[in-house]
């Protein structure tokens, strides 16, 4: 068995649009599963039009999230099409993942529990917006709504400034990851029991999970943490500072690292009772950060980075998209994969030293209709 295709032989039906379920499907395809993406026969997945930029006639976002899959079109309102999809689910699929708007599948008679009664080995994953229960259960949603309602936006950006969204679809992609984790656990359990499972997750639940540390802080002392830009509420100094010729992220995450940082910067702060411990530094952050910022601003980036590296203080440049795409570390790790001539990022795993990769490009709308729906 190919170590980079541990899911070889597993068939997954993806009724997915936008980011969350398609990202889950992409991960499963990279791990060797056969993923059949189901789209409506009109314009298909909304993400096909999320551009520019486009690659050929499809948004680059769609190309990135849907490589490695087969693609068919299904009109749920057409009895013949619905029958084809039901047959795939009850006769061929090991798993189904869906993030359609609440109520859509019910409207067309696709009851997951009934389908699983017909195929007990089937693993069904519902990936919703706000969860399967509660007052918001029927509400549709996207990543920014989940970032807003879960509190992520409240701890992102800078205090007393307008709200800021995390710049990538953190909640969407995280929800896709949780879906995959649940499906892999269910596949493992099925080897023992022979029975599938029904899994539910949502963007809101993922957002709450990402808020684990801020929510724990609130429960501990009743204080609502404010955002600290590139920093965090619980550690100081742990943020970006501007050198003479570029921004540097410095993460002095413990007292020993802070003492080393002070020596490099020529600051006699490590023995000051106000700053000797992380708790003191957090408490007196407003006084401490300007002192460090002034010292860093007087140094050149390369010279300071070398001095910090020599004593083991974690630091890094703030790279732009173009810089990170061509960075020697990115290239050394061989994270990228080419699909139809487009360089895309793969999943961050190696298996026996090899990257699991599905290299076929994202399917054209209905590309595999004749073969799969025959």
Protein backbone atom coordinates (compact mmCIF):
# COMPACT_ATOMS: atom_id res chain seq x y z
CA UNK A 1 0.00 0.00 0.00
CA UNK A 2 1.25 3.47 -0.88
CA UNK A 3 2.06 5.20 2.42
CA UNK A 4 1.05 8.55 0.93
CA UNK A 5 -2.45 7.25 0.08
CA UNK A 6 -3.77 5.79 3.34
CA UNK A 7 -7.38 6.39 2.21
CA UNK A 8 -6.99 4.54 -1.11
CA UNK A 9 -10.25 2.64 -1.72
CA UNK A 10 -12.39 5.09 0.28
CA UNK A 11 -15.09 6.92 -1.71
CA UNK A 12 -16.37 10.27 -0.47
CA UNK A 13 -19.34 12.22 -1.85
CA UNK A 14 -18.86 15.97 -1.34
CA UNK A 15 -21.96 18.16 -1.54
CA UNK A 16 -19.83 21.17 -0.82
CA UNK A 17 -19.59 24.80 -1.81
CA UNK A 18 -17.42 27.78 -0.93
CA UNK A 19 -14.54 26.78 1.38
CA UNK A 20 -15.30 24.54 4.37
CA UNK A 21 -16.54 21.26 2.84
CA UNK A 22 -14.40 21.64 -0.31
CA UNK A 23 -11.30 22.05 1.86
CA UNK A 24 -12.23 18.88 3.74
CA UNK A 25 -12.68 17.11 0.41
CA UNK A 26 -9.29 18.35 -0.76
CA UNK A 27 -7.58 16.97 2.35
CA UNK A 28 -9.28 13.59 1.86
CA UNK A 29 -8.26 13.56 -1.82
CA UNK A 30 -4.66 14.31 -0.89
CA UNK A 31 -4.79 11.34 1.50
CA UNK A 32 -5.84 9.07 -1.35
CA UNK A 33 -9.63 8.99 -1.17
CA UNK A 34 -11.78 9.10 -4.28
CA UNK A 35 -13.73 12.33 -3.82
CA UNK A 36 -16.76 12.98 -6.04
CA UNK A 37 -17.76 16.63 -5.93
CA UNK A 38 -21.47 17.24 -6.55
CA UNK A 39 -22.55 20.61 -7.97
CA UNK A 40 -25.78 22.04 -9.31
CA UNK A 41 -25.89 22.11 -13.12
CA UNK A 42 -26.29 25.89 -13.38
CA UNK A 43 -23.20 27.75 -12.20
CA UNK A 44 -21.97 25.06 -9.85
CA UNK A 45 -20.04 25.91 -6.71
CA UNK A 46 -20.20 29.67 -6.02
CA UNK A 47 -16.43 29.67 -5.58
CA UNK A 48 -15.96 29.11 -9.32
CA UNK A 49 -16.70 32.82 -9.74
CA UNK A 50 -14.63 34.15 -6.81
CA UNK A 51 -12.21 36.21 -8.86
CA UNK A 52 -10.22 37.69 -10.31
CA UNK A 53 -7.70 36.18 -10.18
CA UNK A 54 -8.77 33.28 -12.41
CA UNK A 55 -6.87 30.30 -13.73
CA UNK A 56 -8.18 29.67 -17.22
CA UNK A 57 -11.95 30.16 -16.75
CA UNK A 58 -12.20 29.34 -13.03
CA UNK A 59 -11.28 31.29 -9.91
CA UNK A 60 -7.87 30.40 -8.51
CA UNK A 61 -9.59 29.90 -5.13
CA UNK A 62 -11.74 27.14 -6.62
CA UNK A 63 -8.72 25.56 -8.27
CA UNK A 64 -6.89 25.52 -4.94
CA UNK A 65 -9.74 23.99 -2.93
CA UNK A 66 -10.95 21.37 -5.38
CA UNK A 67 -7.94 19.70 -6.94
CA UNK A 68 -7.82 15.93 -6.82
CA UNK A 69 -11.58 15.45 -7.20
CA UNK A 70 -13.97 14.08 -9.76
CA UNK A 71 -16.95 16.30 -10.55
CA UNK A 72 -20.59 15.67 -11.44
CA UNK A 73 -23.68 17.86 -11.69
CA UNK A 74 -26.92 16.89 -9.94
CA UNK A 75 -30.26 18.69 -10.13
CA UNK A 76 -31.86 17.65 -6.85
CA UNK A 77 -35.28 18.53 -8.28
CA UNK A 78 -34.85 16.10 -11.17
CA UNK A 79 -36.02 12.58 -10.20
CA UNK A 80 -33.42 10.83 -12.36
CA UNK A 81 -30.57 12.96 -11.02
CA UNK A 82 -31.77 12.50 -7.44
CA UNK A 83 -31.91 8.75 -7.98
CA UNK A 84 -28.31 8.75 -9.27
CA UNK A 85 -27.13 10.61 -6.19
CA UNK A 86 -29.06 8.33 -3.84
CA UNK A 87 -27.55 5.29 -5.55
CA UNK A 88 -24.05 6.70 -5.11
CA UNK A 89 -24.74 7.27 -1.43
CA UNK A 90 -26.31 3.88 -0.71
CA UNK A 91 -24.19 1.65 -2.96
CA UNK A 92 -20.74 3.19 -3.41
CA UNK A 93 -19.95 5.85 -0.81
CA UNK A 94 -17.99 5.30 2.35
CA UNK A 95 -18.67 8.85 3.47
CA UNK A 96 -20.73 11.93 2.61
CA UNK A 97 -19.82 15.47 3.61
CA UNK A 98 -22.18 18.37 3.02
CA UNK A 99 -22.36 22.07 3.86
CA UNK A 100 -25.52 23.01 1.95
CA UNK A 101 -27.90 25.59 3.34
CA UNK A 102 -30.01 24.19 6.22
CA UNK A 103 -33.12 22.41 4.94
CA UNK A 104 -32.02 21.93 1.32
CA UNK A 105 -31.47 18.17 1.52
CA UNK A 106 -34.64 17.66 3.56
CA UNK A 107 -36.60 19.58 0.92
CA UNK A 108 -35.58 17.05 -1.72
CA UNK A 109 -36.08 13.96 0.43
CA UNK A 110 -32.49 13.22 1.39
CA UNK A 111 -32.81 12.11 5.01
CA UNK A 112 -29.34 11.17 6.30
CA UNK A 113 -30.73 8.77 8.88
CA UNK A 114 -32.81 6.94 6.27
CA UNK A 115 -29.86 6.77 3.89
CA UNK A 116 -27.69 5.37 6.67
CA UNK A 117 -30.34 2.74 7.44
CA UNK A 118 -29.95 1.59 3.84
CA UNK A 119 -26.15 1.68 4.13
CA UNK A 120 -25.17 1.21 7.80
CA UNK A 121 -21.44 1.52 6.97
CA UNK A 122 -21.93 5.06 5.65
CA UNK A 123 -20.26 7.95 7.49
CA UNK A 124 -22.27 11.16 7.10
CA UNK A 125 -20.81 14.53 8.04
CA UNK A 126 -22.92 17.69 8.31
CA UNK A 127 -20.81 20.85 8.28
CA UNK A 128 -23.10 23.73 9.18
CA UNK A 129 -22.79 27.40 9.99
CA UNK A 130 -24.00 27.73 13.58
CA UNK A 131 -24.49 24.14 14.72
CA UNK A 132 -27.24 21.52 14.85
CA UNK A 133 -29.08 22.99 17.84
CA UNK A 134 -29.89 26.36 19.37
CA UNK A 135 -31.56 29.58 18.20
CA UNK A 136 -29.14 30.08 15.28
CA UNK A 137 -29.24 26.48 13.98
CA UNK A 138 -31.24 27.36 10.85
CA UNK A 139 -29.24 30.49 10.05
CA UNK A 140 -26.90 30.34 7.04
CA UNK A 141 -23.41 31.73 7.46
CA UNK A 142 -19.92 32.24 6.15
CA UNK A 143 -16.46 32.48 7.70
CA UNK A 144 -16.69 36.23 8.60
CA UNK A 145 -19.97 35.68 10.46
CA UNK A 146 -18.41 32.88 12.49
CA UNK A 147 -15.32 35.00 13.21
CA UNK A 148 -17.65 37.74 14.42
CA UNK A 149 -20.04 35.66 16.55
CA UNK A 150 -17.40 33.38 18.10
CA UNK A 151 -15.38 36.33 19.42
CA UNK A 152 -12.37 35.90 17.12
CA UNK A 153 -12.79 39.38 15.67
CA UNK A 154 -12.96 40.84 19.18
CA UNK A 155 -9.39 39.68 19.88
CA UNK A 156 -8.03 40.48 16.41
CA UNK A 157 -6.66 43.83 15.29
CA UNK A 158 -5.95 46.76 17.59
CA UNK A 159 -7.91 48.24 20.47
CA UNK A 160 -10.15 51.23 19.74
CA UNK A 161 -10.01 50.53 15.99
CA UNK A 162 -12.69 49.09 13.68
CA UNK A 163 -13.13 45.28 13.77
CA UNK A 164 -10.65 43.23 11.76
CA UNK A 165 -11.19 39.78 10.24
CA UNK A 166 -8.35 37.27 10.21
CA UNK A 167 -7.07 37.57 6.65
CA UNK A 168 -7.49 33.90 5.69
CA UNK A 169 -10.63 31.78 5.99
CA UNK A 170 -9.43 30.41 9.29
CA UNK A 171 -12.82 29.18 10.52
CA UNK A 172 -13.91 27.69 7.19
CA UNK A 173 -10.68 25.76 6.79
CA UNK A 174 -10.61 24.79 10.46
CA UNK A 175 -14.13 23.41 10.14
CA UNK A 176 -12.98 21.37 7.16
CA UNK A 177 -10.14 20.00 9.30
CA UNK A 178 -12.50 19.07 12.14
CA UNK A 179 -14.75 17.32 9.63
CA UNK A 180 -11.81 15.27 8.40
CA UNK A 181 -10.74 14.43 11.97
CA UNK A 182 -14.27 13.23 12.75
CA UNK A 183 -14.50 11.22 9.55
CA UNK A 184 -11.11 9.57 10.10
CA UNK A 185 -12.11 8.65 13.66
CA UNK A 186 -15.36 7.17 12.33
CA UNK A 187 -13.49 5.20 9.66
CA UNK A 188 -11.19 3.81 12.37
CA UNK A 189 -14.15 2.86 14.58
CA UNK A 190 -15.92 1.25 11.62
CA UNK A 191 -13.04 -1.20 11.24
CA UNK A 192 -14.05 -2.62 14.64
CA UNK A 193 -17.83 -2.26 14.59
CA UNK A 194 -18.74 -2.38 10.91
CA UNK A 195 -21.03 0.59 11.57
CA UNK A 196 -20.73 4.11 10.22
CA UNK A 197 -21.64 7.29 12.11
CA UNK A 198 -23.26 10.67 11.72
CA UNK A 199 -20.91 13.55 12.48
CA UNK A 200 -21.83 17.19 12.93
CA UNK A 201 -19.65 20.25 13.22
CA UNK A 202 -19.99 23.89 12.30
CA UNK A 203 -18.17 27.13 11.73
CA UNK A 204 -19.40 28.53 15.04
CA UNK A 205 -18.20 25.50 17.00
CA UNK A 206 -14.81 25.73 15.29
CA UNK A 207 -14.61 29.43 16.17
CA UNK A 208 -15.37 28.59 19.81
CA UNK A 209 -12.64 25.95 19.77
CA UNK A 210 -10.12 28.47 18.40
CA UNK A 211 -11.16 30.80 21.25
CA UNK A 212 -10.16 28.26 23.91
CA UNK A 213 -7.47 30.42 25.53
CA UNK A 214 -9.30 33.80 25.54
CA UNK A 215 -12.47 32.17 26.87
CA UNK A 216 -10.50 30.40 29.61
CA UNK A 217 -8.98 33.75 30.58
CA UNK A 218 -12.41 35.34 30.84
CA UNK A 219 -13.74 32.48 32.98
CA UNK A 220 -10.68 32.73 35.23
CA UNK A 221 -10.83 36.42 36.10
CA UNK A 222 -13.91 37.91 34.44
CA UNK A 223 -11.80 40.29 32.34
CA UNK A 224 -12.51 40.76 28.63
CA UNK A 225 -9.21 40.74 26.74
CA UNK A 226 -8.73 43.45 24.16
CA UNK A 227 -6.86 42.89 20.91
CA UNK A 228 -3.13 43.63 20.83
CA UNK A 229 -2.43 43.79 17.11
CA UNK A 230 0.42 41.38 16.40
CA UNK A 231 0.68 40.53 20.11
CA UNK A 232 -1.32 38.39 22.51
CA UNK A 233 -2.95 39.22 25.81
CA UNK A 234 -1.22 36.57 27.93
CA UNK A 235 2.47 36.94 26.92
CA UNK A 236 4.76 39.96 26.66
CA UNK A 237 6.82 40.81 24.65
CA UNK A 238 5.36 38.63 21.92
CA UNK A 239 4.65 40.84 18.91
CA UNK A 240 6.03 42.61 15.85
CA UNK A 241 8.51 45.48 16.17
CA UNK A 242 9.89 47.75 13.45
CA UNK A 243 13.63 47.75 12.83
CA UNK A 244 15.46 50.31 10.70
CA UNK A 245 14.63 48.37 7.56
CA UNK A 246 11.70 46.03 8.16
CA UNK A 247 9.26 44.50 10.60
CA UNK A 248 10.41 41.70 12.91
CA UNK A 249 8.27 39.35 14.96
CA UNK A 250 9.91 38.73 18.34
CA UNK A 251 8.55 36.02 20.63
CA UNK A 252 10.20 36.19 24.06
CA UNK A 253 7.81 33.60 25.44
CA UNK A 254 9.44 33.05 28.86
CA UNK A 255 11.55 34.85 31.44
CA UNK A 256 14.84 33.40 30.21
CA UNK A 257 14.16 34.53 26.64
CA UNK A 258 13.22 37.98 27.88
CA UNK A 259 16.53 38.26 29.73
CA UNK A 260 18.40 37.27 26.55
CA UNK A 261 16.43 39.80 24.51
CA UNK A 262 17.34 42.53 27.00
CA UNK A 263 21.03 41.67 26.77
CA UNK A 264 20.98 41.85 22.97
CA UNK A 265 19.14 45.19 23.07
CA UNK A 266 21.34 46.59 25.85
CA UNK A 267 18.39 47.05 28.22
CA UNK A 268 18.74 46.53 31.95
CA UNK A 269 15.16 45.39 32.48
CA UNK A 270 15.39 41.69 33.24
CA UNK A 271 16.09 42.24 36.96
CA UNK A 272 13.49 44.98 37.38
CA UNK A 273 10.71 43.54 39.60
CA UNK A 274 8.09 45.04 37.28
CA UNK A 275 9.45 43.08 34.30
CA UNK A 276 11.24 40.02 35.76
CA UNK A 277 8.23 37.73 35.28
CA UNK A 278 5.78 37.36 32.44
CA UNK A 279 2.92 38.32 34.76
CA UNK A 280 4.72 41.57 35.57
CA UNK A 281 5.45 42.27 31.92
CA UNK A 282 1.82 41.69 30.95
CA UNK A 283 0.67 43.97 33.78
CA UNK A 284 3.11 46.72 32.80
CA UNK A 285 2.87 46.16 29.03
CA UNK A 286 2.02 49.80 28.27
CA UNK A 287 5.34 50.95 29.78
CA UNK A 288 7.48 48.08 28.54
CA UNK A 289 6.58 47.88 24.86
CA UNK A 290 7.65 51.47 23.96
CA UNK A 291 11.06 50.86 25.57
CA UNK A 292 11.63 47.70 23.52
CA UNK A 293 10.24 49.34 20.38
CA UNK A 294 12.72 52.22 20.64
CA UNK A 295 15.65 49.84 21.11
CA UNK A 296 14.62 47.65 18.17
CA UNK A 297 14.04 50.67 15.91
CA UNK A 298 17.71 51.64 16.31
CA UNK A 299 18.93 48.32 14.86
CA UNK A 300 19.10 46.98 11.32
CA UNK A 301 17.00 43.90 10.63
CA UNK A 302 19.74 41.49 9.53
CA UNK A 303 22.15 42.50 12.31
CA UNK A 304 19.48 42.18 15.00
CA UNK A 305 18.14 38.87 13.63
CA UNK A 306 21.66 37.41 13.69
CA UNK A 307 22.22 38.59 17.28
CA UNK A 308 18.89 37.14 18.44
CA UNK A 309 19.51 33.87 16.60
CA UNK A 310 22.89 33.55 18.28
CA UNK A 311 21.34 33.57 21.76
CA UNK A 312 18.21 31.64 20.79
CA UNK A 313 15.51 34.31 20.93
CA UNK A 314 12.75 33.36 18.45
CA UNK A 315 12.33 35.94 15.71
CA UNK A 316 11.22 36.13 12.10
CA UNK A 317 10.51 38.60 9.31
CA UNK A 318 6.95 39.49 8.34
CA UNK A 319 6.71 38.09 4.83
CA UNK A 320 4.29 39.20 2.14
CA UNK A 321 2.47 36.69 -0.08
CA UNK A 322 5.00 37.00 -2.90
CA UNK A 323 7.94 36.65 -0.52
CA UNK A 324 6.62 33.57 1.27
CA UNK A 325 5.74 31.84 -2.00
CA UNK A 326 9.41 31.97 -3.05
CA UNK A 327 11.05 31.68 0.38
CA UNK A 328 13.83 29.07 0.62
CA UNK A 329 12.07 27.42 3.57
CA UNK A 330 8.84 27.08 1.58
CA UNK A 331 10.79 25.54 -1.29
CA UNK A 332 12.83 23.25 0.97
CA UNK A 333 9.70 21.76 2.55
CA UNK A 334 8.17 21.02 -0.88
CA UNK A 335 4.74 22.03 0.36
CA UNK A 336 3.54 23.03 -3.10
CA UNK A 337 1.92 20.87 -5.75
CA UNK A 338 1.32 21.66 -9.41
CA UNK A 339 -2.12 21.05 -10.88
CA UNK A 340 -2.79 22.08 -14.48
CA UNK A 341 0.30 24.29 -14.35
CA UNK A 342 -0.85 26.19 -11.26
CA UNK A 343 1.30 26.01 -8.13
CA UNK A 344 -0.89 25.34 -5.07
CA UNK A 345 -0.31 24.56 -1.42
CA UNK A 346 -0.79 21.00 -0.22
CA UNK A 347 -1.62 19.58 3.20
CA UNK A 348 1.10 20.02 5.85
CA UNK A 349 1.89 16.34 6.34
CA UNK A 350 4.57 13.89 5.35
CA UNK A 351 4.22 10.10 5.49
CA UNK A 352 7.44 8.14 5.52
CA UNK A 353 9.10 11.32 4.30
CA UNK A 354 6.75 11.77 1.34
CA UNK A 355 4.03 14.38 0.81
CA UNK A 356 0.53 13.00 0.16
CA UNK A 357 -0.62 14.82 -2.95
CA UNK A 358 -3.50 14.67 -5.41
CA UNK A 359 -2.22 16.43 -8.51
CA UNK A 360 -5.17 16.29 -10.91
CA UNK A 361 -6.73 19.74 -11.38
CA UNK A 362 -10.11 20.80 -10.04
CA UNK A 363 -12.85 19.35 -12.24
CA UNK A 364 -14.67 21.35 -14.87
CA UNK A 365 -18.39 21.65 -14.13
CA UNK A 366 -19.92 18.24 -14.82
CA UNK A 367 -16.64 16.85 -16.14
CA UNK A 368 -17.37 13.26 -15.04
CA UNK A 369 -21.15 13.18 -15.57
CA UNK A 370 -21.12 10.62 -18.38
CA UNK A 371 -18.89 8.14 -16.56
CA UNK A 372 -20.34 8.41 -13.03
CA UNK A 373 -23.99 9.00 -13.85
CA UNK A 374 -24.13 6.35 -16.58
